Every structure is written in C-alpha cells, then in structure tokens.
Amino acid sequence: TPAAPGQRWQQLAARAAHLALYALMIAVP
C-alpha cells in the first residue's frame, strides 16, 4: 500500500477502519 499521509493517529484510525471494513465485508456475506 502507498504510504499514508497524516499524523500517526490518523494513520492508526485509517488502519482500524480498513480492518473493520475487511472484517465486515467477509462477515456479512
């Protein structure tokens, strides 16, 4: 993945959101 811009907290929030997205994209179907 390309390097994410922003502060550390933004990068951690983005990572958490992406993990949630992937978990839900698997769990729902």
PDB file of all heavy atoms in Angstrom:
ATOM      1  N   THR A   1       0.839  -1.195   0.000  1.00  0.00           N
ATOM      2  CA  THR A   1       0.000   0.000   0.000  1.00  0.00           C
ATOM      3  C   THR A   1       0.874   1.245   0.000  1.00  0.00           C
ATOM      4  O   THR A   1       1.884   1.285   0.704  1.00  0.00           O
ATOM      5  CB  THR A   1      -0.893  -0.012   1.261  1.00  0.00           C
ATOM      6  OG1 THR A   1      -1.669  -1.208   1.246  1.00  0.00           O
ATOM      7  CG2 THR A   1      -1.807   1.184   1.311  1.00  0.00           C
ATOM      8  N   PRO A   2       0.489   2.275  -0.765  1.00  0.00           N
ATOM      9  CA  PRO A   2       1.248   3.529  -0.726  1.00  0.00           C
ATOM     10  C   PRO A   2       1.277   4.111   0.695  1.00  0.00           C
ATOM     11  O   PRO A   2       0.348   3.899   1.469  1.00  0.00           O
ATOM     12  CB  PRO A   2       0.468   4.452  -1.660  1.00  0.00           C
ATOM     13  CG  PRO A   2      -0.333   3.548  -2.522  1.00  0.00           C
ATOM     14  CD  PRO A   2      -0.614   2.320  -1.702  1.00  0.00           C
ATOM     15  N   ALA A   3       2.335   4.813   0.991  1.00  0.00           N
ATOM     16  CA  ALA A   3       2.471   5.430   2.312  1.00  0.00           C
ATOM     17  C   ALA A   3       1.314   6.402   2.544  1.00  0.00           C
ATOM     18  O   ALA A   3       0.965   7.189   1.665  1.00  0.00           O
ATOM     19  CB  ALA A   3       3.800   6.155   2.409  1.00  0.00           C
ATOM     20  N   ALA A   4       0.712   6.318   3.717  1.00  0.00           N
ATOM     21  CA  ALA A   4      -0.423   7.177   4.052  1.00  0.00           C
ATOM     22  C   ALA A   4       0.064   8.509   4.611  1.00  0.00           C
ATOM     23  O   ALA A   4       0.963   8.535   5.453  1.00  0.00           O
ATOM     24  CB  ALA A   4      -1.308   6.488   5.077  1.00  0.00           C
ATOM     25  N   PRO A   5      -0.544   9.603   4.140  1.00  0.00           N
ATOM     26  CA  PRO A   5      -0.188  10.900   4.716  1.00  0.00           C
ATOM     27  C   PRO A   5      -0.866  11.076   6.072  1.00  0.00           C
ATOM     28  O   PRO A   5      -1.715  10.271   6.459  1.00  0.00           O
ATOM     29  CB  PRO A   5      -0.736  11.892   3.688  1.00  0.00           C
ATOM     30  CG  PRO A   5      -1.894  11.186   3.082  1.00  0.00           C
ATOM     31  CD  PRO A   5      -1.525   9.725   3.075  1.00  0.00           C
ATOM     32  N   GLY A   6      -0.520  12.121   6.771  1.00  0.00           N
ATOM     33  CA  GLY A   6      -1.205  12.460   8.015  1.00  0.00           C
ATOM     34  C   GLY A   6      -0.430  12.084   9.253  1.00  0.00           C
ATOM     35  O   GLY A   6       0.626  11.453   9.209  1.00  0.00           O
ATOM     36  N   GLN A   7      -0.997  12.501  10.360  1.00  0.00           N
ATOM     37  CA  GLN A   7      -0.397  12.244  11.664  1.00  0.00           C
ATOM     38  C   GLN A   7      -0.587  10.777  12.044  1.00  0.00           C
ATOM     39  O   GLN A   7      -1.404  10.065  11.480  1.00  0.00           O
ATOM     40  CB  GLN A   7      -1.043  13.145  12.708  1.00  0.00           C
ATOM     41  CG  GLN A   7      -0.847  14.622  12.432  1.00  0.00           C
ATOM     42  CD  GLN A   7      -1.589  15.485  13.430  1.00  0.00           C
ATOM     43  OE1 GLN A   7      -2.089  15.009  14.444  1.00  0.00           O
ATOM     44  NE2 GLN A   7      -1.682  16.773  13.136  1.00  0.00           N
ATOM     45  N   ARG A   8       0.159  10.357  13.037  1.00  0.00           N
ATOM     46  CA  ARG A   8       0.137   8.956  13.471  1.00  0.00           C
ATOM     47  C   ARG A   8      -1.273   8.503  13.845  1.00  0.00           C
ATOM     48  O   ARG A   8      -1.698   7.415  13.487  1.00  0.00           O
ATOM     49  CB  ARG A   8       1.112   8.770  14.641  1.00  0.00           C
ATOM     50  CG  ARG A   8       1.166   7.370  15.189  1.00  0.00           C
ATOM     51  CD  ARG A   8       2.158   6.534  14.425  1.00  0.00           C
ATOM     52  NE  ARG A   8       2.282   5.240  15.069  1.00  0.00           N
ATOM     53  CZ  ARG A   8       2.158   4.093  14.429  1.00  0.00           C
ATOM     54  NH1 ARG A   8       1.979   4.081  13.136  1.00  0.00           N
ATOM     55  NH2 ARG A   8       2.267   2.960  15.070  1.00  0.00           N
ATOM     56  N   TRP A   9      -2.021   9.343  14.569  1.00  0.00           N
ATOM     57  CA  TRP A   9      -3.367   8.956  14.990  1.00  0.00           C
ATOM     58  C   TRP A   9      -4.279   8.766  13.776  1.00  0.00           C
ATOM     59  O   TRP A   9      -5.149   7.892  13.789  1.00  0.00           O
ATOM     60  CB  TRP A   9      -3.969   9.956  15.979  1.00  0.00           C
ATOM     61  CG  TRP A   9      -4.351  11.285  15.383  1.00  0.00           C
ATOM     62  CD1 TRP A   9      -3.596  12.412  15.314  1.00  0.00           C
ATOM     63  CD2 TRP A   9      -5.604  11.607  14.767  1.00  0.00           C
ATOM     64  NE1 TRP A   9      -4.274  13.417  14.690  1.00  0.00           N
ATOM     65  CE2 TRP A   9      -5.527  12.955  14.347  1.00  0.00           C
ATOM     66  CE3 TRP A   9      -6.771  10.897  14.524  1.00  0.00           C
ATOM     67  CZ2 TRP A   9      -6.580  13.607  13.704  1.00  0.00           C
ATOM     68  CZ3 TRP A   9      -7.826  11.551  13.890  1.00  0.00           C
ATOM     69  CH2 TRP A   9      -7.715  12.886  13.487  1.00  0.00           C
ATOM     70  N   GLN A  10      -4.076   9.575  12.724  1.00  0.00           N
ATOM     71  CA  GLN A  10      -4.877   9.436  11.517  1.00  0.00           C
ATOM     72  C   GLN A  10      -4.556   8.119  10.817  1.00  0.00           C
ATOM     73  O   GLN A  10      -5.463   7.437  10.316  1.00  0.00           O
ATOM     74  CB  GLN A  10      -4.627  10.604  10.565  1.00  0.00           C
ATOM     75  CG  GLN A  10      -5.161  11.925  11.065  1.00  0.00           C
ATOM     76  CD  GLN A  10      -4.713  13.080  10.193  1.00  0.00           C
ATOM     77  OE1 GLN A  10      -3.576  13.099   9.721  1.00  0.00           O
ATOM     78  NE2 GLN A  10      -5.597  14.047   9.989  1.00  0.00           N
ATOM     79  N   GLN A  11      -3.299   7.771  10.774  1.00  0.00           N
ATOM     80  CA  GLN A  11      -2.898   6.517  10.150  1.00  0.00           C
ATOM     81  C   GLN A  11      -3.444   5.319  10.921  1.00  0.00           C
ATOM     82  O   GLN A  11      -3.902   4.340  10.326  1.00  0.00           O
ATOM     83  CB  GLN A  11      -1.376   6.448  10.033  1.00  0.00           C
ATOM     84  CG  GLN A  11      -0.816   7.478   9.077  1.00  0.00           C
ATOM     85  CD  GLN A  11       0.701   7.539   9.105  1.00  0.00           C
ATOM     86  OE1 GLN A  11       1.351   6.789   9.822  1.00  0.00           O
ATOM     87  NE2 GLN A  11       1.258   8.446   8.319  1.00  0.00           N
ATOM     88  N   LEU A  12      -3.417   5.396  12.259  1.00  0.00           N
ATOM     89  CA  LEU A  12      -3.970   4.312  13.077  1.00  0.00           C
ATOM     90  C   LEU A  12      -5.487   4.212  12.910  1.00  0.00           C
ATOM     91  O   LEU A  12      -6.034   3.101  12.820  1.00  0.00           O
ATOM     92  CB  LEU A  12      -3.607   4.517  14.549  1.00  0.00           C
ATOM     93  CG  LEU A  12      -2.130   4.328  14.895  1.00  0.00           C
ATOM     94  CD1 LEU A  12      -1.863   4.734  16.346  1.00  0.00           C
ATOM     95  CD2 LEU A  12      -1.706   2.890  14.653  1.00  0.00           C
ATOM     96  N   ALA A  13      -6.169   5.351  12.843  1.00  0.00           N
ATOM     97  CA  ALA A  13      -7.622   5.352  12.640  1.00  0.00           C
ATOM     98  C   ALA A  13      -7.964   4.763  11.272  1.00  0.00           C
ATOM     99  O   ALA A  13      -8.913   3.978  11.145  1.00  0.00           O
ATOM    100  CB  ALA A  13      -8.175   6.765  12.771  1.00  0.00           C
ATOM    101  N   ALA A  14      -7.181   5.135  10.260  1.00  0.00           N
ATOM    102  CA  ALA A  14      -7.417   4.595   8.915  1.00  0.00           C
ATOM    103  C   ALA A  14      -7.196   3.083   8.899  1.00  0.00           C
ATOM    104  O   ALA A  14      -7.981   2.336   8.296  1.00  0.00           O
ATOM    105  CB  ALA A  14      -6.503   5.287   7.904  1.00  0.00           C
ATOM    106  N   ARG A  15      -6.153   2.628   9.559  1.00  0.00           N
ATOM    107  CA  ARG A  15      -5.875   1.188   9.612  1.00  0.00           C
ATOM    108  C   ARG A  15      -7.010   0.443  10.319  1.00  0.00           C
ATOM    109  O   ARG A  15      -7.456  -0.616   9.858  1.00  0.00           O
ATOM    110  CB  ARG A  15      -4.540   0.934  10.314  1.00  0.00           C
ATOM    111  CG  ARG A  15      -4.130  -0.529  10.258  1.00  0.00           C
ATOM    112  CD  ARG A  15      -2.713  -0.779  10.733  1.00  0.00           C
ATOM    113  NE  ARG A  15      -1.785  -0.146   9.791  1.00  0.00           N
ATOM    114  CZ  ARG A  15      -0.737   0.590  10.170  1.00  0.00           C
ATOM    115  NH1 ARG A  15      -0.477   0.762  11.443  1.00  0.00           N
ATOM    116  NH2 ARG A  15       0.060   1.120   9.279  1.00  0.00           N
ATOM    117  N   ALA A  16      -7.499   1.004  11.433  1.00  0.00           N
ATOM    118  CA  ALA A  16      -8.603   0.379  12.164  1.00  0.00           C
ATOM    119  C   ALA A  16      -9.871   0.340  11.307  1.00  0.00           C
ATOM    120  O   ALA A  16     -10.584  -0.671  11.279  1.00  0.00           O
ATOM    121  CB  ALA A  16      -8.869   1.128  13.465  1.00  0.00           C
ATOM    122  N   ALA A  17     -10.139   1.427  10.588  1.00  0.00           N
ATOM    123  CA  ALA A  17     -11.323   1.473   9.720  1.00  0.00           C
ATOM    124  C   ALA A  17     -11.207   0.449   8.595  1.00  0.00           C
ATOM    125  O   ALA A  17     -12.190  -0.234   8.264  1.00  0.00           O
ATOM    126  CB  ALA A  17     -11.505   2.878   9.151  1.00  0.00           C
ATOM    127  N   HIS A  18     -10.012   0.317   8.024  1.00  0.00           N
ATOM    128  CA  HIS A  18      -9.829  -0.660   6.954  1.00  0.00           C
ATOM    129  C   HIS A  18      -9.979  -2.094   7.474  1.00  0.00           C
ATOM    130  O   HIS A  18     -10.570  -2.944   6.802  1.00  0.00           O
ATOM    131  CB  HIS A  18      -8.475  -0.467   6.259  1.00  0.00           C
ATOM    132  CG  HIS A  18      -8.460   0.705   5.341  1.00  0.00           C
ATOM    133  ND1 HIS A  18      -7.780   1.865   5.634  1.00  0.00           N
ATOM    134  CD2 HIS A  18      -9.065   0.918   4.157  1.00  0.00           C
ATOM    135  CE1 HIS A  18      -7.962   2.729   4.657  1.00  0.00           C
ATOM    136  NE2 HIS A  18      -8.747   2.185   3.745  1.00  0.00           N
ATOM    137  N   LEU A  19      -9.464  -2.355   8.668  1.00  0.00           N
ATOM    138  CA  LEU A  19      -9.647  -3.688   9.263  1.00  0.00           C
ATOM    139  C   LEU A  19     -11.127  -3.974   9.487  1.00  0.00           C
ATOM    140  O   LEU A  19     -11.604  -5.089   9.206  1.00  0.00           O
ATOM    141  CB  LEU A  19      -8.871  -3.800  10.577  1.00  0.00           C
ATOM    142  CG  LEU A  19      -7.365  -3.960  10.455  1.00  0.00           C
ATOM    143  CD1 LEU A  19      -6.699  -3.879  11.830  1.00  0.00           C
ATOM    144  CD2 LEU A  19      -7.013  -5.282   9.792  1.00  0.00           C
ATOM    145  N   ALA A  20     -11.853  -2.966   9.987  1.00  0.00           N
ATOM    146  CA  ALA A  20     -13.299  -3.133  10.195  1.00  0.00           C
ATOM    147  C   ALA A  20     -14.011  -3.378   8.873  1.00  0.00           C
ATOM    148  O   ALA A  20     -14.898  -4.235   8.780  1.00  0.00           O
ATOM    149  CB  ALA A  20     -13.869  -1.904  10.908  1.00  0.00           C
ATOM    150  N   LEU A  21     -13.627  -2.632   7.838  1.00  0.00           N
ATOM    151  CA  LEU A  21     -14.233  -2.826   6.518  1.00  0.00           C
ATOM    152  C   LEU A  21     -14.016  -4.249   6.017  1.00  0.00           C
ATOM    153  O   LEU A  21     -14.962  -4.917   5.572  1.00  0.00           O
ATOM    154  CB  LEU A  21     -13.670  -1.829   5.504  1.00  0.00           C
ATOM    155  CG  LEU A  21     -14.252  -0.427   5.536  1.00  0.00           C
ATOM    156  CD1 LEU A  21     -13.407   0.520   4.678  1.00  0.00           C
ATOM    157  CD2 LEU A  21     -15.691  -0.436   5.073  1.00  0.00           C
ATOM    158  N   TYR A  22     -12.784  -4.724   6.084  1.00  0.00           N
ATOM    159  CA  TYR A  22     -12.499  -6.080   5.603  1.00  0.00           C
ATOM    160  C   TYR A  22     -13.234  -7.132   6.429  1.00  0.00           C
ATOM    161  O   TYR A  22     -13.793  -8.086   5.874  1.00  0.00           O
ATOM    162  CB  TYR A  22     -10.991  -6.352   5.585  1.00  0.00           C
ATOM    163  CG  TYR A  22     -10.316  -5.791   4.366  1.00  0.00           C
ATOM    164  CD1 TYR A  22      -9.552  -4.640   4.425  1.00  0.00           C
ATOM    165  CD2 TYR A  22     -10.455  -6.407   3.126  1.00  0.00           C
ATOM    166  CE1 TYR A  22      -8.938  -4.113   3.300  1.00  0.00           C
ATOM    167  CE2 TYR A  22      -9.849  -5.894   1.990  1.00  0.00           C
ATOM    168  CZ  TYR A  22      -9.095  -4.742   2.084  1.00  0.00           C
ATOM    169  OH  TYR A  22      -8.499  -4.232   0.958  1.00  0.00           O
ATOM    170  N   ALA A  23     -13.243  -6.970   7.748  1.00  0.00           N
ATOM    171  CA  ALA A  23     -13.946  -7.937   8.603  1.00  0.00           C
ATOM    172  C   ALA A  23     -15.434  -7.974   8.262  1.00  0.00           C
ATOM    173  O   ALA A  23     -16.025  -9.064   8.143  1.00  0.00           O
ATOM    174  CB  ALA A  23     -13.742  -7.578  10.073  1.00  0.00           C
ATOM    175  N   LEU A  24     -16.028  -6.818   8.076  1.00  0.00           N
ATOM    176  CA  LEU A  24     -17.458  -6.764   7.756  1.00  0.00           C
ATOM    177  C   LEU A  24     -17.747  -7.234   6.331  1.00  0.00           C
ATOM    178  O   LEU A  24     -18.778  -7.872   6.085  1.00  0.00           O
ATOM    179  CB  LEU A  24     -17.991  -5.350   7.979  1.00  0.00           C
ATOM    180  CG  LEU A  24     -18.094  -4.944   9.454  1.00  0.00           C
ATOM    181  CD1 LEU A  24     -18.265  -3.442   9.590  1.00  0.00           C
ATOM    182  CD2 LEU A  24     -19.221  -5.700  10.143  1.00  0.00           C
ATOM    183  N   MET A  25     -16.839  -6.941   5.391  1.00  0.00           N
ATOM    184  CA  MET A  25     -17.042  -7.409   4.014  1.00  0.00           C
ATOM    185  C   MET A  25     -16.987  -8.934   3.933  1.00  0.00           C
ATOM    186  O   MET A  25     -17.518  -9.534   2.997  1.00  0.00           O
ATOM    187  CB  MET A  25     -16.014  -6.783   3.054  1.00  0.00           C
ATOM    188  CG  MET A  25     -16.266  -5.323   2.777  1.00  0.00           C
ATOM    189  SD  MET A  25     -15.204  -4.606   1.485  1.00  0.00           S
ATOM    190  CE  MET A  25     -13.562  -4.739   2.183  1.00  0.00           C
ATOM    191  N   ILE A  26     -16.347  -9.557   4.899  1.00  0.00           N
ATOM    192  CA  ILE A  26     -16.330 -11.024   4.970  1.00  0.00           C
ATOM    193  C   ILE A  26     -17.523 -11.526   5.779  1.00  0.00           C
ATOM    194  O   ILE A  26     -18.233 -12.445   5.373  1.00  0.00           O
ATOM    195  CB  ILE A  26     -14.995 -11.528   5.567  1.00  0.00           C
ATOM    196  CG1 ILE A  26     -13.847 -11.228   4.591  1.00  0.00           C
ATOM    197  CG2 ILE A  26     -15.069 -13.016   5.905  1.00  0.00           C
ATOM    198  CD1 ILE A  26     -12.459 -11.428   5.183  1.00  0.00           C
ATOM    199  N   ALA A  27     -17.769 -10.908   6.935  1.00  0.00           N
ATOM    200  CA  ALA A  27     -18.800 -11.393   7.848  1.00  0.00           C
ATOM    201  C   ALA A  27     -20.209 -11.285   7.273  1.00  0.00           C
ATOM    202  O   ALA A  27     -21.016 -12.214   7.443  1.00  0.00           O
ATOM    203  CB  ALA A  27     -18.727 -10.621   9.173  1.00  0.00           C
ATOM    204  N   VAL A  28     -20.526 -10.184   6.606  1.00  0.00           N
ATOM    205  CA  VAL A  28     -21.906 -10.003   6.107  1.00  0.00           C
ATOM    206  C   VAL A  28     -22.301 -11.114   5.138  1.00  0.00           C
ATOM    207  O   VAL A  28     -23.343 -11.762   5.334  1.00  0.00           O
ATOM    208  CB  VAL A  28     -22.102  -8.591   5.495  1.00  0.00           C
ATOM    209  CG1 VAL A  28     -23.457  -8.483   4.797  1.00  0.00           C
ATOM    210  CG2 VAL A  28     -21.979  -7.514   6.571  1.00  0.00           C
ATOM    211  N   PRO A  29     -21.520 -11.405   4.086  1.00  0.00           N
ATOM    212  CA  PRO A  29     -21.958 -12.493   3.192  1.00  0.00           C
ATOM    213  C   PRO A  29     -21.875 -13.882   3.825  1.00  0.00           C
ATOM    214  O   PRO A  29     -22.714 -14.736   3.514  1.00  0.00           O
ATOM    215  CB  PRO A  29     -21.028 -12.368   1.977  1.00  0.00           C
ATOM    216  CG  PRO A  29     -19.887 -11.527   2.399  1.00  0.00           C
ATOM    217  CD  PRO A  29     -20.357 -10.684   3.535  1.00  0.00           C
TER     218      PRO A  29
END
